[in-house]
Amino acid sequence: FVAAKTNLNAVRNEIATGGYSLYNLRASYDDKKYRVNFGIENLLNKLYALPQGGAYLGQGNTMSMNGVPWGTAVAGMGRTFYVSANMKF
């Protein structure tokens, strides 16, 4: 759980962000010689803004037809799948 960012510093051009919570799913299988990890981060694919992620400071709508407005909070990572394997020597 992450609380909303409301204490802003005007000198740093900080912007307010809403609070959010993410659900992650992780599992692993461990053998004497091998280990396999797998998981899903941001299971529900929630759109959220990172409180310390900064702001997009591009040219806004002048860059393209669907430009991002100036001062929009940078979004956090979407749903991510991963698998890893380790082998012991």
PDB file of N, CA and C in Angstrom:
ATOM      1  N   PHE A   1       0.840  -1.172   0.000  1.00  0.00           N
ATOM      2  CA  PHE A   1       0.000   0.000   0.000  1.00  0.00           C
ATOM      3  C   PHE A   1       0.888   1.238   0.000  1.00  0.00           C
ATOM      4  N   VAL A   2       0.575   2.180  -0.862  1.00  0.00           N
ATOM      5  CA  VAL A   2       1.315   3.437  -0.949  1.00  0.00           C
ATOM      6  C   VAL A   2       0.317   4.575  -0.783  1.00  0.00           C
ATOM      7  N   ALA A   3       0.607   5.478   0.137  1.00  0.00           N
ATOM      8  CA  ALA A   3      -0.292   6.610   0.396  1.00  0.00           C
ATOM      9  C   ALA A   3      -0.156   7.665  -0.695  1.00  0.00           C
ATOM     10  N   ALA A   4      -1.152   8.505  -0.811  1.00  0.00           N
ATOM     11  CA  ALA A   4      -1.124   9.604  -1.780  1.00  0.00           C
ATOM     12  C   ALA A   4      -0.038  10.601  -1.396  1.00  0.00           C
ATOM     13  N   LYS A   5       0.582  11.205  -2.399  1.00  0.00           N
ATOM     14  CA  LYS A   5       1.602  12.224  -2.158  1.00  0.00           C
ATOM     15  C   LYS A   5       0.928  13.589  -2.213  1.00  0.00           C
ATOM     16  N   THR A   6       0.850  14.240  -1.063  1.00  0.00           N
ATOM     17  CA  THR A   6       0.192  15.548  -0.993  1.00  0.00           C
ATOM     18  C   THR A   6       1.129  16.636  -0.486  1.00  0.00           C
ATOM     19  N   ASN A   7       2.249  16.267   0.139  1.00  0.00           N
ATOM     20  CA  ASN A   7       3.228  17.232   0.628  1.00  0.00           C
ATOM     21  C   ASN A   7       4.201  17.521  -0.513  1.00  0.00           C
ATOM     22  N   LEU A   8       3.995  18.621  -1.217  1.00  0.00           N
ATOM     23  CA  LEU A   8       4.736  18.906  -2.444  1.00  0.00           C
ATOM     24  C   LEU A   8       5.742  20.030  -2.249  1.00  0.00           C
ATOM     25  N   ASN A   9       6.831  19.978  -3.022  1.00  0.00           N
ATOM     26  CA  ASN A   9       7.858  21.009  -3.005  1.00  0.00           C
ATOM     27  C   ASN A   9       7.807  21.744  -4.337  1.00  0.00           C
ATOM     28  N   ALA A  10       7.436  23.016  -4.321  1.00  0.00           N
ATOM     29  CA  ALA A  10       7.298  23.800  -5.555  1.00  0.00           C
ATOM     30  C   ALA A  10       8.637  24.007  -6.249  1.00  0.00           C
ATOM     31  N   VAL A  11       9.730  24.103  -5.489  1.00  0.00           N
ATOM     32  CA  VAL A  11      11.058  24.303  -6.080  1.00  0.00           C
ATOM     33  C   VAL A  11      11.443  23.110  -6.947  1.00  0.00           C
ATOM     34  N   ARG A  12      11.054  21.924  -6.546  1.00  0.00           N
ATOM     35  CA  ARG A  12      11.371  20.696  -7.289  1.00  0.00           C
ATOM     36  C   ARG A  12      10.312  20.341  -8.327  1.00  0.00           C
ATOM     37  N   ASN A  13       9.301  21.169  -8.478  1.00  0.00           N
ATOM     38  CA  ASN A  13       8.196  20.908  -9.417  1.00  0.00           C
ATOM     39  C   ASN A  13       7.526  19.565  -9.157  1.00  0.00           C
ATOM     40  N   GLU A  14       7.387  19.194  -7.887  1.00  0.00           N
ATOM     41  CA  GLU A  14       6.735  17.929  -7.548  1.00  0.00           C
ATOM     42  C   GLU A  14       5.242  18.021  -7.822  1.00  0.00           C
ATOM     43  N   ILE A  15       4.671  16.902  -8.222  1.00  0.00           N
ATOM     44  CA  ILE A  15       3.236  16.860  -8.498  1.00  0.00           C
ATOM     45  C   ILE A  15       2.562  15.847  -7.570  1.00  0.00           C
ATOM     46  N   ALA A  16       1.300  16.075  -7.302  1.00  0.00           N
ATOM     47  CA  ALA A  16       0.533  15.178  -6.432  1.00  0.00           C
ATOM     48  C   ALA A  16       0.248  13.866  -7.156  1.00  0.00           C
ATOM     49  N   THR A  17       0.291  12.779  -6.409  1.00  0.00           N
ATOM     50  CA  THR A  17      -0.055  11.463  -6.960  1.00  0.00           C
ATOM     51  C   THR A  17      -1.030  10.784  -6.001  1.00  0.00           C
ATOM     52  N   GLY A  18      -1.881   9.955  -6.549  1.00  0.00           N
ATOM     53  CA  GLY A  18      -2.849   9.221  -5.740  1.00  0.00           C
ATOM     54  C   GLY A  18      -2.226   8.005  -5.078  1.00  0.00           C
ATOM     55  N   GLY A  19      -2.861   7.522  -4.040  1.00  0.00           N
ATOM     56  CA  GLY A  19      -2.408   6.305  -3.394  1.00  0.00           C
ATOM     57  C   GLY A  19      -2.792   5.078  -4.221  1.00  0.00           C
ATOM     58  N   TYR A  20      -2.117   3.964  -3.970  1.00  0.00           N
ATOM     59  CA  TYR A  20      -2.409   2.743  -4.720  1.00  0.00           C
ATOM     60  C   TYR A  20      -1.922   1.523  -3.953  1.00  0.00           C
ATOM     61  N   SER A  21      -2.402   0.370  -4.357  1.00  0.00           N
ATOM     62  CA  SER A  21      -1.899  -0.903  -3.843  1.00  0.00           C
ATOM     63  C   SER A  21      -1.778  -1.856  -5.019  1.00  0.00           C
ATOM     64  N   LEU A  22      -0.750  -2.678  -4.965  1.00  0.00           N
ATOM     65  CA  LEU A  22      -0.486  -3.642  -6.036  1.00  0.00           C
ATOM     66  C   LEU A  22      -0.517  -5.051  -5.463  1.00  0.00           C
ATOM     67  N   TYR A  23      -0.878  -5.998  -6.298  1.00  0.00           N
ATOM     68  CA  TYR A  23      -0.859  -7.405  -5.924  1.00  0.00           C
ATOM     69  C   TYR A  23       0.154  -8.122  -6.801  1.00  0.00           C
ATOM     70  N   ASN A  24       1.071  -8.839  -6.149  1.00  0.00           N
ATOM     71  CA  ASN A  24       2.095  -9.597  -6.853  1.00  0.00           C
ATOM     72  C   ASN A  24       1.939 -11.071  -6.504  1.00  0.00           C
ATOM     73  N   LEU A  25       2.242 -11.923  -7.444  1.00  0.00           N
ATOM     74  CA  LEU A  25       2.145 -13.367  -7.240  1.00  0.00           C
ATOM     75  C   LEU A  25       3.506 -13.970  -7.558  1.00  0.00           C
ATOM     76  N   ARG A  26       4.064 -14.719  -6.602  1.00  0.00           N
ATOM     77  CA  ARG A  26       5.383 -15.329  -6.795  1.00  0.00           C
ATOM     78  C   ARG A  26       5.354 -16.764  -6.296  1.00  0.00           C
ATOM     79  N   ALA A  27       6.117 -17.606  -6.967  1.00  0.00           N
ATOM     80  CA  ALA A  27       6.251 -19.000  -6.541  1.00  0.00           C
ATOM     81  C   ALA A  27       7.617 -19.503  -6.982  1.00  0.00           C
ATOM     82  N   SER A  28       8.055 -20.592  -6.369  1.00  0.00           N
ATOM     83  CA  SER A  28       9.334 -21.184  -6.764  1.00  0.00           C
ATOM     84  C   SER A  28       9.306 -22.683  -6.502  1.00  0.00           C
ATOM     85  N   TYR A  29      10.150 -23.369  -7.229  1.00  0.00           N
ATOM     86  CA  TYR A  29      10.343 -24.803  -7.041  1.00  0.00           C
ATOM     87  C   TYR A  29      11.828 -25.009  -6.779  1.00  0.00           C
ATOM     88  N   ASP A  30      12.150 -25.694  -5.690  1.00  0.00           N
ATOM     89  CA  ASP A  30      13.545 -25.886  -5.310  1.00  0.00           C
ATOM     90  C   ASP A  30      13.863 -27.373  -5.261  1.00  0.00           C
ATOM     91  N   ASP A  31      14.904 -27.762  -5.959  1.00  0.00           N
ATOM     92  CA  ASP A  31      15.398 -29.134  -5.991  1.00  0.00           C
ATOM     93  C   ASP A  31      16.811 -29.099  -5.406  1.00  0.00           C
ATOM     94  N   LYS A  32      17.466 -30.248  -5.275  1.00  0.00           N
ATOM     95  CA  LYS A  32      18.835 -30.257  -4.765  1.00  0.00           C
ATOM     96  C   LYS A  32      19.791 -29.499  -5.676  1.00  0.00           C
ATOM     97  N   LYS A  33      19.552 -29.554  -6.969  1.00  0.00           N
ATOM     98  CA  LYS A  33      20.477 -28.943  -7.923  1.00  0.00           C
ATOM     99  C   LYS A  33      19.880 -27.746  -8.663  1.00  0.00           C
ATOM    100  N   TYR A  34      18.583 -27.642  -8.730  1.00  0.00           N
ATOM    101  CA  TYR A  34      17.934 -26.593  -9.528  1.00  0.00           C
ATOM    102  C   TYR A  34      16.946 -25.787  -8.689  1.00  0.00           C
ATOM    103  N   ARG A  35      16.736 -24.568  -9.119  1.00  0.00           N
ATOM    104  CA  ARG A  35      15.690 -23.721  -8.534  1.00  0.00           C
ATOM    105  C   ARG A  35      15.045 -22.943  -9.671  1.00  0.00           C
ATOM    106  N   VAL A  36      13.713 -22.960  -9.716  1.00  0.00           N
ATOM    107  CA  VAL A  36      12.959 -22.226 -10.734  1.00  0.00           C
ATOM    108  C   VAL A  36      12.020 -21.257 -10.012  1.00  0.00           C
ATOM    109  N   ASN A  37      12.088 -19.994 -10.399  1.00  0.00           N
ATOM    110  CA  ASN A  37      11.232 -18.948  -9.836  1.00  0.00           C
ATOM    111  C   ASN A  37      10.324 -18.422 -10.933  1.00  0.00           C
ATOM    112  N   PHE A  38       9.113 -18.104 -10.586  1.00  0.00           N
ATOM    113  CA  PHE A  38       8.217 -17.482 -11.555  1.00  0.00           C
ATOM    114  C   PHE A  38       7.241 -16.585 -10.803  1.00  0.00           C
ATOM    115  N   GLY A  39       6.723 -15.604 -11.515  1.00  0.00           N
ATOM    116  CA  GLY A  39       5.803 -14.693 -10.859  1.00  0.00           C
ATOM    117  C   GLY A  39       5.166 -13.697 -11.799  1.00  0.00           C
ATOM    118  N   ILE A  40       4.240 -12.960 -11.237  1.00  0.00           N
ATOM    119  CA  ILE A  40       3.548 -11.889 -11.946  1.00  0.00           C
ATOM    120  C   ILE A  40       3.550 -10.678 -11.021  1.00  0.00           C
ATOM    121  N   GLU A  41       4.088  -9.576 -11.488  1.00  0.00           N
ATOM    122  CA  GLU A  41       4.066  -8.317 -10.746  1.00  0.00           C
ATOM    123  C   GLU A  41       2.896  -7.485 -11.260  1.00  0.00           C
ATOM    124  N   ASN A  42       2.225  -6.760 -10.387  1.00  0.00           N
ATOM    125  CA  ASN A  42       1.055  -5.946 -10.731  1.00  0.00           C
ATOM    126  C   ASN A  42      -0.008  -6.833 -11.391  1.00  0.00           C
ATOM    127  N   LEU A  43      -0.423  -7.831 -10.678  1.00  0.00           N
ATOM    128  CA  LEU A  43      -1.331  -8.869 -11.168  1.00  0.00           C
ATOM    129  C   LEU A  43      -2.592  -8.318 -11.830  1.00  0.00           C
ATOM    130  N   LEU A  44      -3.165  -7.253 -11.287  1.00  0.00           N
ATOM    131  CA  LEU A  44      -4.410  -6.700 -11.823  1.00  0.00           C
ATOM    132  C   LEU A  44      -4.167  -5.622 -12.876  1.00  0.00           C
ATOM    133  N   ASN A  45      -2.903  -5.405 -13.238  1.00  0.00           N
ATOM    134  CA  ASN A  45      -2.514  -4.424 -14.261  1.00  0.00           C
ATOM    135  C   ASN A  45      -3.060  -3.031 -13.933  1.00  0.00           C
ATOM    136  N   LYS A  46      -2.864  -2.622 -12.682  1.00  0.00           N
ATOM    137  CA  LYS A  46      -3.367  -1.325 -12.210  1.00  0.00           C
ATOM    138  C   LYS A  46      -2.511  -0.187 -12.754  1.00  0.00           C
ATOM    139  N   LEU A  47      -3.168   0.872 -13.214  1.00  0.00           N
ATOM    140  CA  LEU A  47      -2.476   2.079 -13.658  1.00  0.00           C
ATOM    141  C   LEU A  47      -2.244   2.958 -12.435  1.00  0.00           C
ATOM    142  N   TYR A  48      -0.984   3.303 -12.165  1.00  0.00           N
ATOM    143  CA  TYR A  48      -0.649   4.103 -10.990  1.00  0.00           C
ATOM    144  C   TYR A  48       0.530   5.013 -11.316  1.00  0.00           C
ATOM    145  N   ALA A  49       0.677   6.061 -10.532  1.00  0.00           N
ATOM    146  CA  ALA A  49       1.782   7.009 -10.703  1.00  0.00           C
ATOM    147  C   ALA A  49       2.740   6.854  -9.531  1.00  0.00           C
ATOM    148  N   LEU A  50       4.025   6.768  -9.823  1.00  0.00           N
ATOM    149  CA  LEU A  50       5.031   6.641  -8.779  1.00  0.00           C
ATOM    150  C   LEU A  50       5.209   7.974  -8.052  1.00  0.00           C
ATOM    151  N   PRO A  51       5.123   7.995  -6.713  1.00  0.00           N
ATOM    152  CA  PRO A  51       5.239   9.256  -5.979  1.00  0.00           C
ATOM    153  C   PRO A  51       6.567   9.976  -6.213  1.00  0.00           C
ATOM    154  N   GLN A  52       7.647   9.233  -6.404  1.00  0.00           N
ATOM    155  CA  GLN A  52       8.945   9.854  -6.654  1.00  0.00           C
ATOM    156  C   GLN A  52       9.425   9.570  -8.071  1.00  0.00           C
ATOM    157  N   GLY A  53       8.508   9.241  -8.951  1.00  0.00           N
ATOM    158  CA  GLY A  53       8.858   8.920 -10.331  1.00  0.00           C
ATOM    159  C   GLY A  53       9.052  10.136 -11.218  1.00  0.00           C
ATOM    160  N   GLY A  54       8.712  11.308 -10.722  1.00  0.00           N
ATOM    161  CA  GLY A  54       8.879  12.518 -11.513  1.00  0.00           C
ATOM    162  C   GLY A  54       7.673  12.788 -12.387  1.00  0.00           C
ATOM    163  N   ALA A  55       7.881  13.709 -13.317  1.00  0.00           N
ATOM    164  CA  ALA A  55       6.796  14.129 -14.202  1.00  0.00           C
ATOM    165  C   ALA A  55       7.299  14.184 -15.628  1.00  0.00           C
ATOM    166  N   TYR A  56       6.415  13.903 -16.565  1.00  0.00           N
ATOM    167  CA  TYR A  56       6.733  14.031 -17.977  1.00  0.00           C
ATOM    168  C   TYR A  56       6.729  15.517 -18.309  1.00  0.00           C
ATOM    169  N   LEU A  57       7.845  16.019 -18.810  1.00  0.00           N
ATOM    170  CA  LEU A  57       7.983  17.450 -19.076  1.00  0.00           C
ATOM    171  C   LEU A  57       8.189  17.726 -20.555  1.00  0.00           C
ATOM    172  N   GLY A  58       7.603  16.915 -21.409  1.00  0.00           N
ATOM    173  CA  GLY A  58       7.740  17.093 -22.856  1.00  0.00           C
ATOM    174  C   GLY A  58       6.965  18.299 -23.355  1.00  0.00           C
ATOM    175  N   GLN A  59       6.783  18.371 -24.633  1.00  0.00           N
ATOM    176  CA  GLN A  59       6.134  19.512 -25.263  1.00  0.00           C
ATOM    177  C   GLN A  59       4.614  19.410 -25.271  1.00  0.00           C
ATOM    178  N   GLY A  60       4.076  18.411 -24.636  1.00  0.00           N
ATOM    179  CA  GLY A  60       2.621  18.270 -24.582  1.00  0.00           C
ATOM    180  C   GLY A  60       2.035  17.875 -25.919  1.00  0.00           C
ATOM    181  N   ASN A  61       0.895  18.415 -26.256  1.00  0.00           N
ATOM    182  CA  ASN A  61       0.172  18.025 -27.464  1.00  0.00           C
ATOM    183  C   ASN A  61       0.837  18.494 -28.750  1.00  0.00           C
ATOM    184  N   THR A  62       1.875  19.310 -28.674  1.00  0.00           N
ATOM    185  CA  THR A  62       2.553  19.750 -29.897  1.00  0.00           C
ATOM    186  C   THR A  62       3.439  18.661 -30.477  1.00  0.00           C
ATOM    187  N   MET A  63       3.760  17.612 -29.696  1.00  0.00           N
ATOM    188  CA  MET A  63       4.662  16.561 -30.172  1.00  0.00           C
ATOM    189  C   MET A  63       3.971  15.600 -31.126  1.00  0.00           C
ATOM    190  N   SER A  64       2.718  15.325 -30.919  1.00  0.00           N
ATOM    191  CA  SER A  64       1.964  14.416 -31.782  1.00  0.00           C
ATOM    192  C   SER A  64       0.479  14.622 -31.500  1.00  0.00           C
ATOM    193  N   MET A  65      -0.337  13.908 -32.241  1.00  0.00           N
ATOM    194  CA  MET A  65      -1.783  14.041 -32.035  1.00  0.00           C
ATOM    195  C   MET A  65      -2.211  13.560 -30.651  1.00  0.00           C
ATOM    196  N   ASN A  66      -1.525  12.542 -30.135  1.00  0.00           N
ATOM    197  CA  ASN A  66      -1.893  11.968 -28.836  1.00  0.00           C
ATOM    198  C   ASN A  66      -0.812  12.232 -27.802  1.00  0.00           C
ATOM    199  N   GLY A  67      -0.244  13.418 -27.790  1.00  0.00           N
ATOM    200  CA  GLY A  67       0.831  13.750 -26.864  1.00  0.00           C
ATOM    201  C   GLY A  67       0.382  13.725 -25.416  1.00  0.00           C
ATOM    202  N   VAL A  68       1.347  13.563 -24.535  1.00  0.00           N
ATOM    203  CA  VAL A  68       1.076  13.559 -23.102  1.00  0.00           C
ATOM    204  C   VAL A  68       1.161  14.999 -22.611  1.00  0.00           C
ATOM    205  N   PRO A  69       0.166  15.501 -21.875  1.00  0.00           N
ATOM    206  CA  PRO A  69       0.214  16.881 -21.388  1.00  0.00           C
ATOM    207  C   PRO A  69       1.420  17.132 -20.487  1.00  0.00           C
ATOM    208  N   TRP A  70       1.908  18.360 -20.490  1.00  0.00           N
ATOM    209  CA  TRP A  70       3.042  18.744 -19.662  1.00  0.00           C
ATOM    210  C   TRP A  70       2.704  18.534 -18.197  1.00  0.00           C
ATOM    211  N   GLY A  71       3.649  18.005 -17.415  1.00  0.00           N
ATOM    212  CA  GLY A  71       3.469  17.833 -15.980  1.00  0.00           C
ATOM    213  C   GLY A  71       2.671  16.615 -15.565  1.00  0.00           C
ATOM    214  N   THR A  72       2.471  15.665 -16.448  1.00  0.00           N
ATOM    215  CA  THR A  72       1.755  14.430 -16.114  1.00  0.00           C
ATOM    216  C   THR A  72       2.692  13.488 -15.362  1.00  0.00           C
ATOM    217  N   ALA A  73       2.202  12.872 -14.295  1.00  0.00           N
ATOM    218  CA  ALA A  73       3.023  11.946 -13.511  1.00  0.00           C
ATOM    219  C   ALA A  73       3.434  10.745 -14.359  1.00  0.00           C
ATOM    220  N   VAL A  74       4.664  10.290 -14.155  1.00  0.00           N
ATOM    221  CA  VAL A  74       5.168   9.118 -14.871  1.00  0.00           C
ATOM    222  C   VAL A  74       4.492   7.875 -14.295  1.00  0.00           C
ATOM    223  N   ALA A  75       3.938   7.069 -15.164  1.00  0.00           N
ATOM    224  CA  ALA A  75       3.221   5.859 -14.726  1.00  0.00           C
ATOM    225  C   ALA A  75       4.192   4.771 -14.281  1.00  0.00           C
ATOM    226  N   GLY A  76       3.735   3.935 -13.358  1.00  0.00           N
ATOM    227  CA  GLY A  76       4.518   2.794 -12.905  1.00  0.00           C
ATOM    228  C   GLY A  76       4.405   1.635 -13.892  1.00  0.00           C
ATOM    229  N   MET A  77       5.153   0.588 -13.628  1.00  0.00           N
ATOM    230  CA  MET A  77       5.170  -0.583 -14.506  1.00  0.00           C
ATOM    231  C   MET A  77       3.800  -1.255 -14.560  1.00  0.00           C
ATOM    232  N   GLY A  78       3.454  -1.746 -15.717  1.00  0.00           N
ATOM    233  CA  GLY A  78       2.232  -2.522 -15.890  1.00  0.00           C
ATOM    234  C   GLY A  78       2.466  -3.964 -15.468  1.00  0.00           C
ATOM    235  N   ARG A  79       1.556  -4.837 -15.835  1.00  0.00           N
ATOM    236  CA  ARG A  79       1.682  -6.254 -15.491  1.00  0.00           C
ATOM    237  C   ARG A  79       2.957  -6.819 -16.113  1.00  0.00           C
ATOM    238  N   THR A  80       3.723  -7.548 -15.310  1.00  0.00           N
ATOM    239  CA  THR A  80       4.998  -8.102 -15.754  1.00  0.00           C
ATOM    240  C   THR A  80       5.072  -9.569 -15.353  1.00  0.00           C
ATOM    241  N   PHE A  81       5.440 -10.417 -16.297  1.00  0.00           N
ATOM    242  CA  PHE A  81       5.640 -11.844 -16.039  1.00  0.00           C
ATOM    243  C   PHE A  81       7.139 -12.125 -16.034  1.00  0.00           C
ATOM    244  N   TYR A  82       7.586 -13.021 -15.169  1.00  0.00           N
ATOM    245  CA  TYR A  82       9.000 -13.395 -15.193  1.00  0.00           C
ATOM    246  C   TYR A  82       9.184 -14.857 -14.797  1.00  0.00           C
ATOM    247  N   VAL A  83      10.265 -15.431 -15.311  1.00  0.00           N
ATOM    248  CA  VAL A  83      10.691 -16.790 -14.976  1.00  0.00           C
ATOM    249  C   VAL A  83      12.206 -16.764 -14.896  1.00  0.00           C
ATOM    250  N   SER A  84      12.766 -17.419 -13.898  1.00  0.00           N
ATOM    251  CA  SER A  84      14.217 -17.538 -13.806  1.00  0.00           C
ATOM    252  C   SER A  84      14.568 -18.945 -13.347  1.00  0.00           C
ATOM    253  N   ALA A  85      15.760 -19.371 -13.705  1.00  0.00           N
ATOM    254  CA  ALA A  85      16.234 -20.700 -13.315  1.00  0.00           C
ATOM    255  C   ALA A  85      17.673 -20.596 -12.837  1.00  0.00           C
ATOM    256  N   ASN A  86      17.988 -21.312 -11.767  1.00  0.00           N
ATOM    257  CA  ASN A  86      19.342 -21.357 -11.219  1.00  0.00           C
ATOM    258  C   ASN A  86      19.773 -22.809 -11.113  1.00  0.00           C
ATOM    259  N   MET A  87      21.061 -23.030 -11.330  1.00  0.00           N
ATOM    260  CA  MET A  87      21.614 -24.372 -11.187  1.00  0.00           C
ATOM    261  C   MET A  87      22.800 -24.296 -10.238  1.00  0.00           C
ATOM    262  N   LYS A  88      22.839 -25.179  -9.256  1.00  0.00           N
ATOM    263  CA  LYS A  88      23.931 -25.202  -8.279  1.00  0.00           C
ATOM    264  C   LYS A  88      25.042 -26.115  -8.785  1.00  0.00           C
ATOM    265  N   PHE A  89      26.272 -25.679  -8.611  1.00  0.00           N
ATOM    266  CA  PHE A  89      27.436 -26.488  -9.023  1.00  0.00           C
ATOM    267  C   PHE A  89      28.027 -27.183  -7.833  1.00  0.00           C
TER     268      PHE A  89
END
